Protein backbone atom coordinates (compact mmCIF):
# COMPACT_ATOMS: atom_id res chain seq x y z
CA MET A 1 2.19 55.41 -43.76
CA GLY A 2 0.85 57.58 -41.15
CA GLU A 3 3.26 59.57 -38.95
CA ILE A 4 5.04 57.47 -35.53
CA MET A 5 5.46 60.36 -32.78
CA ILE A 6 7.34 58.83 -29.58
CA SER A 7 8.35 60.45 -26.84
CA HIS A 8 11.61 60.70 -25.92
CA GLU A 9 11.10 58.10 -22.66
CA ASP A 10 9.23 55.80 -24.09
CA PHE A 11 12.23 55.70 -27.55
CA ASN A 12 15.21 54.80 -25.12
CA ARG A 13 13.29 52.18 -23.49
CA ILE A 14 12.06 50.79 -26.85
CA GLU A 15 15.43 50.64 -27.84
CA LEU A 16 16.66 49.34 -25.42
CA VAL A 17 15.00 46.27 -25.12
CA ILE A 18 15.61 46.07 -29.18
CA ALA A 19 19.10 45.57 -27.91
CA GLU A 20 19.01 43.47 -25.12
CA GLY A 21 17.07 41.82 -27.40
CA ARG A 22 19.46 41.43 -30.95
CA THR A 23 21.70 39.06 -28.31
CA SER A 24 19.17 36.37 -27.09
CA ARG A 25 16.27 35.85 -29.73
CA SER A 26 15.91 33.43 -32.54
CA ASP A 27 16.16 34.94 -36.70
CA ARG A 28 12.74 35.38 -36.43
CA ASP A 29 12.56 37.52 -33.48
CA ARG A 30 15.74 39.08 -34.50
CA GLN A 31 14.62 39.66 -38.24
CA ASN A 32 10.75 41.49 -36.21
CA LEU A 33 13.24 43.28 -34.14
CA ASP A 34 14.81 44.85 -37.11
CA ARG A 35 11.27 45.96 -38.56
CA LEU A 36 10.70 47.52 -35.15
CA ASP A 37 13.99 48.88 -35.39
CA ARG A 38 13.33 50.91 -38.41
CA GLU A 39 9.98 51.82 -37.43
CA LEU A 40 11.38 53.44 -34.80
CA ARG A 41 13.84 55.98 -36.37
CA ARG A 42 11.53 57.41 -38.90
CA ALA A 43 9.56 58.16 -35.43
CA ARG A 44 9.12 61.74 -33.94
CA ARG A 45 10.75 62.48 -30.77
CA VAL A 46 8.86 64.95 -28.72
CA ALA A 47 9.01 65.25 -24.77
CA ALA A 48 6.59 63.86 -23.30
CA ALA A 49 4.62 66.24 -21.90
CA GLU A 50 4.85 67.37 -25.50
CA ARG A 51 2.79 64.31 -27.01
CA PRO A 52 -0.98 65.28 -27.66
CA ALA A 53 -3.18 62.92 -25.40
CA ASP A 54 -4.60 61.32 -28.79
CA VAL A 55 -1.01 59.69 -28.61
CA VAL A 56 -0.19 56.16 -27.06
CA ALA A 57 2.52 55.39 -25.09
CA LEU A 58 4.24 53.05 -23.44
CA GLU A 59 2.02 51.60 -19.96
CA ALA A 60 -0.93 53.24 -21.60
CA GLU A 61 -4.13 51.40 -21.86
CA VAL A 62 -6.69 52.07 -25.30
CA THR A 63 -10.46 50.63 -25.68
CA VAL A 64 -10.53 49.47 -28.71
CA ARG A 65 -14.73 49.34 -30.40
CA ASP A 66 -15.59 46.58 -33.29
CA LEU A 67 -17.19 48.83 -35.16
CA ASP A 68 -19.62 45.81 -36.93
CA ASP A 69 -20.71 44.31 -33.76
CA GLN A 70 -20.28 47.35 -31.23
CA THR A 71 -17.73 45.08 -28.24
CA GLU A 72 -14.79 47.36 -26.86
CA ALA A 73 -11.99 45.30 -26.03
CA THR A 74 -9.03 47.10 -23.36
CA TYR A 75 -5.30 46.81 -24.00
CA GLN A 76 -2.39 47.71 -22.36
CA LEU A 77 0.70 48.84 -24.10
CA VAL A 78 3.46 47.20 -22.34
CA LEU A 79 7.12 46.34 -22.90
CA PRO A 80 8.13 42.52 -23.21
CA ALA A 81 9.71 41.57 -19.25
């Protein structure tokens, strides 16, 4: 698996969502939160200023292109409300 890099701030925000979600979600959601937590734990944490420009962060917009038909779609990485 590839390396995961995350800013300290994004790590803390996601960690809080995971902790809050474990108390109020279904069993399936808790299993998914556990999977997310495992991925988060293996991430290399860096200062936001040290994060390379090609690493996506929370609140970032990313445009992806389908290589078959060249269509594009833009997504924003956000946390649940």
